[in-house]
PDB file of N, CA and C in Angstrom:
ATOM      1  N   MET A   1     146.569 134.689  85.481  1.00  0.00           N
ATOM      2  CA  MET A   1     146.191 133.925  86.634  1.00  0.00           C
ATOM      3  C   MET A   1     144.836 134.397  87.170  1.00  0.00           C
ATOM      4  N   ALA A   2     144.650 135.696  87.197  1.00  0.00           N
ATOM      5  CA  ALA A   2     143.396 136.223  87.741  1.00  0.00           C
ATOM      6  C   ALA A   2     142.205 135.812  86.885  1.00  0.00           C
ATOM      7  N   ILE A   3     142.398 135.782  85.572  1.00  0.00           N
ATOM      8  CA  ILE A   3     141.298 135.380  84.686  1.00  0.00           C
ATOM      9  C   ILE A   3     140.935 133.923  84.938  1.00  0.00           C
ATOM     10  N   ALA A   4     141.948 133.055  85.005  1.00  0.00           N
ATOM     11  CA  ALA A   4     141.681 131.638  85.254  1.00  0.00           C
ATOM     12  C   ALA A   4     141.054 131.442  86.629  1.00  0.00           C
ATOM     13  N   ALA A   5     141.526 132.166  87.614  1.00  0.00           N
ATOM     14  CA  ALA A   5     141.006 132.012  88.967  1.00  0.00           C
ATOM     15  C   ALA A   5     139.556 132.467  89.086  1.00  0.00           C
ATOM     16  N   SER A   6     139.136 133.373  88.206  1.00  0.00           N
ATOM     17  CA  SER A   6     137.754 133.867  88.273  1.00  0.00           C
ATOM     18  C   SER A   6     136.821 133.163  87.290  1.00  0.00           C
ATOM     19  N   ALA A   7     137.344 132.240  86.507  1.00  0.00           N
ATOM     20  CA  ALA A   7     136.535 131.549  85.490  1.00  0.00           C
ATOM     21  C   ALA A   7     135.620 130.502  86.115  1.00  0.00           C
ATOM     22  N   ASP A   8     134.409 130.425  85.607  1.00  0.00           N
ATOM     23  CA  ASP A   8     133.509 129.335  85.983  1.00  0.00           C
ATOM     24  C   ASP A   8     133.771 128.115  85.116  1.00  0.00           C
ATOM     25  N   VAL A   9     134.119 128.356  83.837  1.00  0.00           N
ATOM     26  CA  VAL A   9     134.377 127.284  82.874  1.00  0.00           C
ATOM     27  C   VAL A   9     135.604 127.654  82.053  1.00  0.00           C
ATOM     28  N   MET A  10     136.519 126.708  81.912  1.00  0.00           N
ATOM     29  CA  MET A  10     137.670 126.848  81.018  1.00  0.00           C
ATOM     30  C   MET A  10     137.556 125.728  79.992  1.00  0.00           C
ATOM     31  N   ILE A  11     137.721 126.047  78.724  1.00  0.00           N
ATOM     32  CA  ILE A  11     137.623 125.046  77.673  1.00  0.00           C
ATOM     33  C   ILE A  11     138.787 125.229  76.716  1.00  0.00           C
ATOM     34  N   GLY A  12     139.385 124.101  76.304  1.00  0.00           N
ATOM     35  CA  GLY A  12     140.497 124.189  75.375  1.00  0.00           C
ATOM     36  C   GLY A  12     140.904 122.825  74.867  1.00  0.00           C
ATOM     37  N   VAL A  13     141.781 122.848  73.873  1.00  0.00           N
ATOM     38  CA  VAL A  13     142.322 121.631  73.283  1.00  0.00           C
ATOM     39  C   VAL A  13     143.423 121.111  74.205  1.00  0.00           C
ATOM     40  N   TYR A  14     143.511 119.798  74.322  1.00  0.00           N
ATOM     41  CA  TYR A  14     144.489 119.170  75.209  1.00  0.00           C
ATOM     42  C   TYR A  14     145.895 119.711  74.945  1.00  0.00           C
ATOM     43  N   GLY A  15     146.692 119.727  75.976  1.00  0.00           N
ATOM     44  CA  GLY A  15     148.081 120.151  75.832  1.00  0.00           C
ATOM     45  C   GLY A  15     148.466 121.150  76.895  1.00  0.00           C
ATOM     46  N   ASN A  16     149.674 121.640  76.777  1.00  0.00           N
ATOM     47  CA  ASN A  16     150.230 122.529  77.785  1.00  0.00           C
ATOM     48  C   ASN A  16     149.512 123.867  77.874  1.00  0.00           C
ATOM     49  N   GLY A  17     148.742 124.227  76.865  1.00  0.00           N
ATOM     50  CA  GLY A  17     147.987 125.470  76.901  1.00  0.00           C
ATOM     51  C   GLY A  17     146.966 125.503  78.028  1.00  0.00           C
ATOM     52  N   LEU A  18     146.603 124.340  78.543  1.00  0.00           N
ATOM     53  CA  LEU A  18     145.648 124.287  79.649  1.00  0.00           C
ATOM     54  C   LEU A  18     146.336 124.320  81.016  1.00  0.00           C
ATOM     55  N   ALA A  19     147.613 124.662  81.034  1.00  0.00           N
ATOM     56  CA  ALA A  19     148.328 124.730  82.308  1.00  0.00           C
ATOM     57  C   ALA A  19     147.704 125.757  83.244  1.00  0.00           C
ATOM     58  N   ASN A  20     147.026 126.761  82.698  1.00  0.00           N
ATOM     59  CA  ASN A  20     146.374 127.755  83.554  1.00  0.00           C
ATOM     60  C   ASN A  20     145.216 127.165  84.351  1.00  0.00           C
ATOM     61  N   ALA A  21     144.853 125.934  84.071  1.00  0.00           N
ATOM     62  CA  ALA A  21     143.840 125.264  84.896  1.00  0.00           C
ATOM     63  C   ALA A  21     144.321 125.157  86.344  1.00  0.00           C
ATOM     64  N   LEU A  22     145.611 125.292  86.550  1.00  0.00           N
ATOM     65  CA  LEU A  22     146.173 125.274  87.900  1.00  0.00           C
ATOM     66  C   LEU A  22     145.524 126.322  88.796  1.00  0.00           C
ATOM     67  N   TRP A  23     145.006 127.389  88.207  1.00  0.00           N
ATOM     68  CA  TRP A  23     144.433 128.491  88.980  1.00  0.00           C
ATOM     69  C   TRP A  23     142.915 128.406  89.111  1.00  0.00           C
ATOM     70  N   LEU A  24     142.282 127.344  88.588  1.00  0.00           N
ATOM     71  CA  LEU A  24     140.831 127.219  88.698  1.00  0.00           C
ATOM     72  C   LEU A  24     140.412 127.098  90.158  1.00  0.00           C
ATOM     73  N   ALA A  25     139.309 127.719  90.471  1.00  0.00           N
ATOM     74  CA  ALA A  25     138.769 127.654  91.829  1.00  0.00           C
ATOM     75  C   ALA A  25     138.005 126.346  92.029  1.00  0.00           C
ATOM     76  N   PRO A  26     137.900 125.870  93.249  1.00  0.00           N
ATOM     77  CA  PRO A  26     137.062 124.693  93.509  1.00  0.00           C
ATOM     78  C   PRO A  26     135.649 124.944  92.977  1.00  0.00           C
ATOM     79  N   GLY A  27     135.118 123.947  92.295  1.00  0.00           N
ATOM     80  CA  GLY A  27     133.782 124.062  91.721  1.00  0.00           C
ATOM     81  C   GLY A  27     133.764 124.563  90.289  1.00  0.00           C
ATOM     82  N   ALA A  28     134.882 125.140  89.799  1.00  0.00           N
ATOM     83  CA  ALA A  28     134.960 125.553  88.396  1.00  0.00           C
ATOM     84  C   ALA A  28     135.024 124.296  87.526  1.00  0.00           C
ATOM     85  N   THR A  29     134.861 124.463  86.233  1.00  0.00           N
ATOM     86  CA  THR A  29     134.831 123.328  85.306  1.00  0.00           C
ATOM     87  C   THR A  29     135.889 123.495  84.228  1.00  0.00           C
ATOM     88  N   LEU A  30     136.630 122.424  83.953  1.00  0.00           N
ATOM     89  CA  LEU A  30     137.550 122.375  82.830  1.00  0.00           C
ATOM     90  C   LEU A  30     136.999 121.390  81.803  1.00  0.00           C
ATOM     91  N   ILE A  31     136.891 121.833  80.559  1.00  0.00           N
ATOM     92  CA  ILE A  31     136.515 120.961  79.449  1.00  0.00           C
ATOM     93  C   ILE A  31     137.730 120.865  78.537  1.00  0.00           C
ATOM     94  N   GLU A  32     138.295 119.663  78.435  1.00  0.00           N
ATOM     95  CA  GLU A  32     139.491 119.418  77.633  1.00  0.00           C
ATOM     96  C   GLU A  32     139.094 118.619  76.404  1.00  0.00           C
ATOM     97  N   ILE A  33     139.442 119.110  75.226  1.00  0.00           N
ATOM     98  CA  ILE A  33     139.027 118.492  73.967  1.00  0.00           C
ATOM     99  C   ILE A  33     140.204 117.713  73.369  1.00  0.00           C
ATOM    100  N   PHE A  34     139.959 116.431  73.078  1.00  0.00           N
ATOM    101  CA  PHE A  34     140.967 115.543  72.506  1.00  0.00           C
ATOM    102  C   PHE A  34     140.570 115.117  71.104  1.00  0.00           C
ATOM    103  N   PRO A  35     141.554 114.802  70.232  1.00  0.00           N
ATOM    104  CA  PRO A  35     141.223 114.160  68.967  1.00  0.00           C
ATOM    105  C   PRO A  35     140.876 112.690  69.236  1.00  0.00           C
ATOM    106  N   PRO A  36     140.166 112.038  68.326  1.00  0.00           N
ATOM    107  CA  PRO A  36     139.854 110.617  68.527  1.00  0.00           C
ATOM    108  C   PRO A  36     141.121 109.791  68.727  1.00  0.00           C
ATOM    109  N   GLY A  37     141.057 108.874  69.677  1.00  0.00           N
ATOM    110  CA  GLY A  37     142.174 107.976  69.930  1.00  0.00           C
ATOM    111  C   GLY A  37     143.237 108.540  70.848  1.00  0.00           C
ATOM    112  N   VAL A  38     142.957 109.683  71.466  1.00  0.00           N
ATOM    113  CA  VAL A  38     143.926 110.304  72.370  1.00  0.00           C
ATOM    114  C   VAL A  38     143.214 110.682  73.664  1.00  0.00           C
ATOM    115  N   HIS A  39     143.773 110.308  74.788  1.00  0.00           N
ATOM    116  CA  HIS A  39     143.278 110.790  76.088  1.00  0.00           C
ATOM    117  C   HIS A  39     144.392 110.682  77.104  1.00  0.00           C
ATOM    118  N   HIS A  40     144.661 111.784  77.780  1.00  0.00           N
ATOM    119  CA  HIS A  40     145.669 111.849  78.824  1.00  0.00           C
ATOM    120  C   HIS A  40     144.985 112.268  80.118  1.00  0.00           C
ATOM    121  N   TYR A  41     145.600 111.938  81.233  1.00  0.00           N
ATOM    122  CA  TYR A  41     144.980 112.194  82.533  1.00  0.00           C
ATOM    123  C   TYR A  41     145.562 113.399  83.273  1.00  0.00           C
ATOM    124  N   ASP A  42     146.537 114.078  82.702  1.00  0.00           N
ATOM    125  CA  ASP A  42     147.247 115.143  83.414  1.00  0.00           C
ATOM    126  C   ASP A  42     146.299 116.176  84.017  1.00  0.00           C
ATOM    127  N   HIS A  43     145.476 116.791  83.184  1.00  0.00           N
ATOM    128  CA  HIS A  43     144.599 117.856  83.666  1.00  0.00           C
ATOM    129  C   HIS A  43     143.412 117.300  84.458  1.00  0.00           C
ATOM    130  N   GLN A  44     143.050 116.067  84.178  1.00  0.00           N
ATOM    131  CA  GLN A  44     141.983 115.425  84.945  1.00  0.00           C
ATOM    132  C   GLN A  44     142.428 115.257  86.402  1.00  0.00           C
ATOM    133  N   ILE A  45     143.636 114.778  86.604  1.00  0.00           N
ATOM    134  CA  ILE A  45     144.165 114.601  87.958  1.00  0.00           C
ATOM    135  C   ILE A  45     144.318 115.955  88.642  1.00  0.00           C
ATOM    136  N   LEU A  46     144.797 116.953  87.900  1.00  0.00           N
ATOM    137  CA  LEU A  46     144.940 118.296  88.464  1.00  0.00           C
ATOM    138  C   LEU A  46     143.597 118.816  88.974  1.00  0.00           C
ATOM    139  N   CYS A  47     142.550 118.661  88.166  1.00  0.00           N
ATOM    140  CA  CYS A  47     141.219 119.132  88.577  1.00  0.00           C
ATOM    141  C   CYS A  47     140.731 118.406  89.817  1.00  0.00           C
ATOM    142  N   GLU A  48     140.978 117.120  89.886  1.00  0.00           N
ATOM    143  CA  GLU A  48     140.560 116.369  91.066  1.00  0.00           C
ATOM    144  C   GLU A  48     141.263 116.889  92.313  1.00  0.00           C
ATOM    145  N   MET A  49     142.545 117.234  92.192  1.00  0.00           N
ATOM    146  CA  MET A  49     143.287 117.765  93.343  1.00  0.00           C
ATOM    147  C   MET A  49     142.798 119.161  93.725  1.00  0.00           C
ATOM    148  N   LEU A  50     142.376 119.949  92.729  1.00  0.00           N
ATOM    149  CA  LEU A  50     141.926 121.316  92.992  1.00  0.00           C
ATOM    150  C   LEU A  50     140.470 121.395  93.456  1.00  0.00           C
ATOM    151  N   GLY A  51     139.712 120.320  93.267  1.00  0.00           N
ATOM    152  CA  GLY A  51     138.288 120.371  93.566  1.00  0.00           C
ATOM    153  C   GLY A  51     137.489 120.982  92.432  1.00  0.00           C
ATOM    154  N   ALA A  52     138.097 121.045  91.242  1.00  0.00           N
ATOM    155  CA  ALA A  52     137.404 121.538  90.050  1.00  0.00           C
ATOM    156  C   ALA A  52     136.770 120.352  89.329  1.00  0.00           C
ATOM    157  N   ARG A  53     135.754 120.634  88.540  1.00  0.00           N
ATOM    158  CA  ARG A  53     135.092 119.573  87.778  1.00  0.00           C
ATOM    159  C   ARG A  53     135.820 119.402  86.462  1.00  0.00           C
ATOM    160  N   TYR A  54     135.907 118.177  85.966  1.00  0.00           N
ATOM    161  CA  TYR A  54     136.648 117.872  84.749  1.00  0.00           C
ATOM    162  C   TYR A  54     135.779 117.094  83.777  1.00  0.00           C
ATOM    163  N   PHE A  55     135.851 117.483  82.520  1.00  0.00           N
ATOM    164  CA  PHE A  55     135.241 116.725  81.437  1.00  0.00           C
ATOM    165  C   PHE A  55     136.238 116.698  80.289  1.00  0.00           C
ATOM    166  N   GLY A  56     136.617 115.507  79.869  1.00  0.00           N
ATOM    167  CA  GLY A  56     137.476 115.339  78.701  1.00  0.00           C
ATOM    168  C   GLY A  56     136.616 114.856  77.549  1.00  0.00           C
ATOM    169  N   LEU A  57     136.597 115.591  76.472  1.00  0.00           N
ATOM    170  CA  LEU A  57     135.748 115.256  75.324  1.00  0.00           C
ATOM    171  C   LEU A  57     136.610 114.669  74.214  1.00  0.00           C
ATOM    172  N   GLU A  58     136.383 113.402  73.918  1.00  0.00           N
ATOM    173  CA  GLU A  58     137.100 112.692  72.859  1.00  0.00           C
ATOM    174  C   GLU A  58     136.064 112.174  71.873  1.00  0.00           C
ATOM    175  N   GLY A  59     135.788 112.955  70.823  1.00  0.00           N
ATOM    176  CA  GLY A  59     134.722 112.597  69.896  1.00  0.00           C
ATOM    177  C   GLY A  59     133.397 112.595  70.632  1.00  0.00           C
ATOM    178  N   ASP A  60     132.702 111.459  70.669  1.00  0.00           N
ATOM    179  CA  ASP A  60     131.430 111.329  71.373  1.00  0.00           C
ATOM    180  C   ASP A  60     131.604 110.850  72.821  1.00  0.00           C
ATOM    181  N   LEU A  61     132.819 110.515  73.192  1.00  0.00           N
ATOM    182  CA  LEU A  61     133.102 109.985  74.525  1.00  0.00           C
ATOM    183  C   LEU A  61     133.413 111.129  75.486  1.00  0.00           C
ATOM    184  N   ILE A  62     132.776 111.118  76.643  1.00  0.00           N
ATOM    185  CA  ILE A  62     133.031 112.132  77.656  1.00  0.00           C
ATOM    186  C   ILE A  62     133.680 111.453  78.864  1.00  0.00           C
ATOM    187  N   HIS A  63     134.917 111.862  79.163  1.00  0.00           N
ATOM    188  CA  HIS A  63     135.626 111.381  80.347  1.00  0.00           C
ATOM    189  C   HIS A  63     135.299 112.339  81.484  1.00  0.00           C
ATOM    190  N   ARG A  64     135.013 111.816  82.664  1.00  0.00           N
ATOM    191  CA  ARG A  64     134.683 112.662  83.823  1.00  0.00           C
ATOM    192  C   ARG A  64     135.726 112.492  84.896  1.00  0.00           C
ATOM    193  N   ASP A  65     135.744 113.427  85.844  1.00  0.00           N
ATOM    194  CA  ASP A  65     136.686 113.315  86.948  1.00  0.00           C
ATOM    195  C   ASP A  65     136.451 111.993  87.676  1.00  0.00           C
ATOM    196  N   GLY A  66     137.549 111.365  88.063  1.00  0.00           N
ATOM    197  CA  GLY A  66     137.470 110.085  88.744  1.00  0.00           C
ATOM    198  C   GLY A  66     137.238 108.903  87.831  1.00  0.00           C
ATOM    199  N   SER A  67     137.327 109.090  86.511  1.00  0.00           N
ATOM    200  CA  SER A  67     136.988 108.004  85.581  1.00  0.00           C
ATOM    201  C   SER A  67     138.220 107.463  84.864  1.00  0.00           C
ATOM    202  N   ARG A  68     139.288 107.247  85.583  1.00  0.00           N
ATOM    203  CA  ARG A  68     140.503 106.710  84.959  1.00  0.00           C
ATOM    204  C   ARG A  68     140.438 105.184  84.978  1.00  0.00           C
ATOM    205  N   PHE A  69     140.106 104.592  83.850  1.00  0.00           N
ATOM    206  CA  PHE A  69     139.968 103.138  83.757  1.00  0.00           C
ATOM    207  C   PHE A  69     140.995 102.583  82.785  1.00  0.00           C
ATOM    208  N   GLY A  70     142.239 102.722  83.109  1.00  0.00           N
ATOM    209  CA  GLY A  70     143.287 102.201  82.250  1.00  0.00           C
ATOM    210  C   GLY A  70     144.328 103.265  81.965  1.00  0.00           C
ATOM    211  N   PRO A  71     145.352 102.865  81.223  1.00  0.00           N
ATOM    212  CA  PRO A  71     146.431 103.803  80.948  1.00  0.00           C
ATOM    213  C   PRO A  71     145.983 104.890  79.978  1.00  0.00           C
ATOM    214  N   PRO A  72     146.653 106.051  80.004  1.00  0.00           N
ATOM    215  CA  PRO A  72     146.371 107.055  78.993  1.00  0.00           C
ATOM    216  C   PRO A  72     146.749 106.493  77.631  1.00  0.00           C
ATOM    217  N   TYR A  73     146.176 107.007  76.600  1.00  0.00           N
ATOM    218  CA  TYR A  73     146.502 106.514  75.267  1.00  0.00           C
ATOM    219  C   TYR A  73     146.676 107.679  74.319  1.00  0.00           C
ATOM    220  N   GLY A  74     147.357 107.377  73.208  1.00  0.00           N
ATOM    221  CA  GLY A  74     147.646 108.406  72.229  1.00  0.00           C
ATOM    222  C   GLY A  74     149.069 108.910  72.320  1.00  0.00           C
ATOM    223  N   HIS A  75     149.935 108.182  73.050  1.00  0.00           N
ATOM    224  CA  HIS A  75     151.329 108.587  73.175  1.00  0.00           C
ATOM    225  C   HIS A  75     152.196 108.048  72.038  1.00  0.00           C
ATOM    226  N   GLU A  76     151.656 107.199  71.190  1.00  0.00           N
ATOM    227  CA  GLU A  76     152.441 106.637  70.102  1.00  0.00           C
ATOM    228  C   GLU A  76     152.838 107.758  69.140  1.00  0.00           C
ATOM    229  N   PRO A  77     153.998 107.634  68.484  1.00  0.00           N
ATOM    230  CA  PRO A  77     154.469 108.712  67.602  1.00  0.00           C
ATOM    231  C   PRO A  77     153.446 109.158  66.561  1.00  0.00           C
ATOM    232  N   GLU A  78     152.660 108.237  66.040  1.00  0.00           N
ATOM    233  CA  GLU A  78     151.684 108.611  65.001  1.00  0.00           C
ATOM    234  C   GLU A  78     150.455 109.309  65.586  1.00  0.00           C
ATOM    235  N   ARG A  79     150.307 109.322  66.901  1.00  0.00           N
ATOM    236  CA  ARG A  79     149.139 109.935  67.530  1.00  0.00           C
ATOM    237  C   ARG A  79     149.454 111.258  68.232  1.00  0.00           C
ATOM    238  N   VAL A  80     150.711 111.539  68.476  1.00  0.00           N
ATOM    239  CA  VAL A  80     151.079 112.687  69.305  1.00  0.00           C
ATOM    240  C   VAL A  80     150.620 114.011  68.707  1.00  0.00           C
ATOM    241  N   ASP A  81     150.766 114.193  67.420  1.00  0.00           N
ATOM    242  CA  ASP A  81     150.441 115.471  66.797  1.00  0.00           C
ATOM    243  C   ASP A  81     149.151 115.434  65.986  1.00  0.00           C
ATOM    244  N   VAL A  82     148.194 114.622  66.408  1.00  0.00           N
ATOM    245  CA  VAL A  82     146.916 114.546  65.718  1.00  0.00           C
ATOM    246  C   VAL A  82     146.103 115.788  66.072  1.00  0.00           C
ATOM    247  N   PRO A  83     145.661 116.547  65.075  1.00  0.00           N
ATOM    248  CA  PRO A  83     144.884 117.756  65.393  1.00  0.00           C
ATOM    249  C   PRO A  83     143.443 117.424  65.771  1.00  0.00           C
ATOM    250  N   VAL A  84     142.839 118.304  66.524  1.00  0.00           N
ATOM    251  CA  VAL A  84     141.402 118.219  66.786  1.00  0.00           C
ATOM    252  C   VAL A  84     140.727 118.830  65.568  1.00  0.00           C
ATOM    253  N   GLU A  85     139.984 118.020  64.820  1.00  0.00           N
ATOM    254  CA  GLU A  85     139.359 118.506  63.594  1.00  0.00           C
ATOM    255  C   GLU A  85     137.881 118.811  63.760  1.00  0.00           C
ATOM    256  N   THR A  86     137.236 118.156  64.699  1.00  0.00           N
ATOM    257  CA  THR A  86     135.817 118.409  64.940  1.00  0.00           C
ATOM    258  C   THR A  86     135.556 118.420  66.438  1.00  0.00           C
ATOM    259  N   VAL A  87     134.520 119.123  66.820  1.00  0.00           N
ATOM    260  CA  VAL A  87     134.105 119.166  68.225  1.00  0.00           C
ATOM    261  C   VAL A  87     132.623 118.824  68.273  1.00  0.00           C
ATOM    262  N   ASN A  88     132.261 117.900  69.126  1.00  0.00           N
ATOM    263  CA  ASN A  88     130.875 117.494  69.283  1.00  0.00           C
ATOM    264  C   ASN A  88     130.141 118.560  70.107  1.00  0.00           C
ATOM    265  N   LEU A  89     129.446 119.454  69.424  1.00  0.00           N
ATOM    266  CA  LEU A  89     128.782 120.564  70.105  1.00  0.00           C
ATOM    267  C   LEU A  89     127.666 120.091  71.027  1.00  0.00           C
ATOM    268  N   ALA A  90     126.986 119.007  70.669  1.00  0.00           N
ATOM    269  CA  ALA A  90     125.937 118.473  71.546  1.00  0.00           C
ATOM    270  C   ALA A  90     126.549 118.005  72.865  1.00  0.00           C
ATOM    271  N   ALA A  91     127.734 117.414  72.802  1.00  0.00           N
ATOM    272  CA  ALA A  91     128.406 116.976  74.025  1.00  0.00           C
ATOM    273  C   ALA A  91     128.833 118.178  74.868  1.00  0.00           C
ATOM    274  N   ILE A  92     129.317 119.235  74.217  1.00  0.00           N
ATOM    275  CA  ILE A  92     129.681 120.457  74.945  1.00  0.00           C
ATOM    276  C   ILE A  92     128.453 121.027  75.659  1.00  0.00           C
ATOM    277  N   GLU A  93     127.331 121.072  74.957  1.00  0.00           N
ATOM    278  CA  GLU A  93     126.094 121.576  75.564  1.00  0.00           C
ATOM    279  C   GLU A  93     125.686 120.721  76.762  1.00  0.00           C
ATOM    280  N   ALA A  94     125.806 119.402  76.631  1.00  0.00           N
ATOM    281  CA  ALA A  94     125.465 118.501  77.736  1.00  0.00           C
ATOM    282  C   ALA A  94     126.380 118.726  78.924  1.00  0.00           C
ATOM    283  N   ILE A  95     127.683 118.924  78.650  1.00  0.00           N
ATOM    284  CA  ILE A  95     128.636 119.180  79.724  1.00  0.00           C
ATOM    285  C   ILE A  95     128.312 120.486  80.425  1.00  0.00           C
ATOM    286  N   LEU A  96     128.036 121.515  79.654  1.00  0.00           N
ATOM    287  CA  LEU A  96     127.731 122.816  80.250  1.00  0.00           C
ATOM    288  C   LEU A  96     126.443 122.748  81.077  1.00  0.00           C
ATOM    289  N   ALA A  97     125.475 121.963  80.615  1.00  0.00           N
ATOM    290  CA  ALA A  97     124.241 121.791  81.391  1.00  0.00           C
ATOM    291  C   ALA A  97     124.551 121.104  82.718  1.00  0.00           C
ATOM    292  N   ARG A  98     125.425 120.108  82.703  1.00  0.00           N
ATOM    293  CA  ARG A  98     125.824 119.428  83.943  1.00  0.00           C
ATOM    294  C   ARG A  98     126.592 120.372  84.848  1.00  0.00           C
ATOM    295  N   SER A  99     127.433 121.209  84.246  1.00  0.00           N
ATOM    296  CA  SER A  99     128.256 122.125  85.034  1.00  0.00           C
ATOM    297  C   SER A  99     127.435 123.163  85.747  1.00  0.00           C
ATOM    298  N   ALA A 100     126.283 123.481  85.198  1.00  0.00           N
ATOM    299  CA  ALA A 100     125.415 124.491  85.825  1.00  0.00           C
ATOM    300  C   ALA A 100     124.806 123.977  87.113  1.00  0.00           C
ATOM    301  N   SER A 101     124.747 122.652  87.257  1.00  0.00           N
ATOM    302  CA  SER A 101     124.166 122.046  88.444  1.00  0.00           C
ATOM    303  C   SER A 101     125.293 121.503  89.333  1.00  0.00           C
ATOM    304  N   PRO A 102     125.420 121.942  90.560  1.00  0.00           N
ATOM    305  CA  PRO A 102     126.506 121.470  91.415  1.00  0.00           C
ATOM    306  C   PRO A 102     126.378 120.029  91.875  1.00  0.00           C
ATOM    307  N   THR A 103     125.242 119.395  91.632  1.00  0.00           N
ATOM    308  CA  THR A 103     125.042 118.037  92.157  1.00  0.00           C
ATOM    309  C   THR A 103     125.210 116.959  91.104  1.00  0.00           C
ATOM    310  N   THR A 104     125.477 117.296  89.829  1.00  0.00           N
ATOM    311  CA  THR A 104     125.635 116.248  88.816  1.00  0.00           C
ATOM    312  C   THR A 104     127.023 116.153  88.315  1.00  0.00           C
TER     313      THR A 104
END
């Protein structure tokens, strides 16, 4: 808990492993990585309630806090256990650059 509470940035693959985001301080950033065709809002909503910044990375698509435009997807049986095989490093760099600035 103390590590999560003192983190400026938490990054991980979607799922219950990111439950420690509950301890993020206001202004901290969570980067959640999804496989293509999967996006859930659980940790995004949590970050909004905590005052933490949220970025969900799904391939080249970046979901931001407050950007829920439709139902979550990827709950179908064939999508539930899809592994994250690649991570868009340019998108991670862009997110981290945004996270460094409190106004973007």
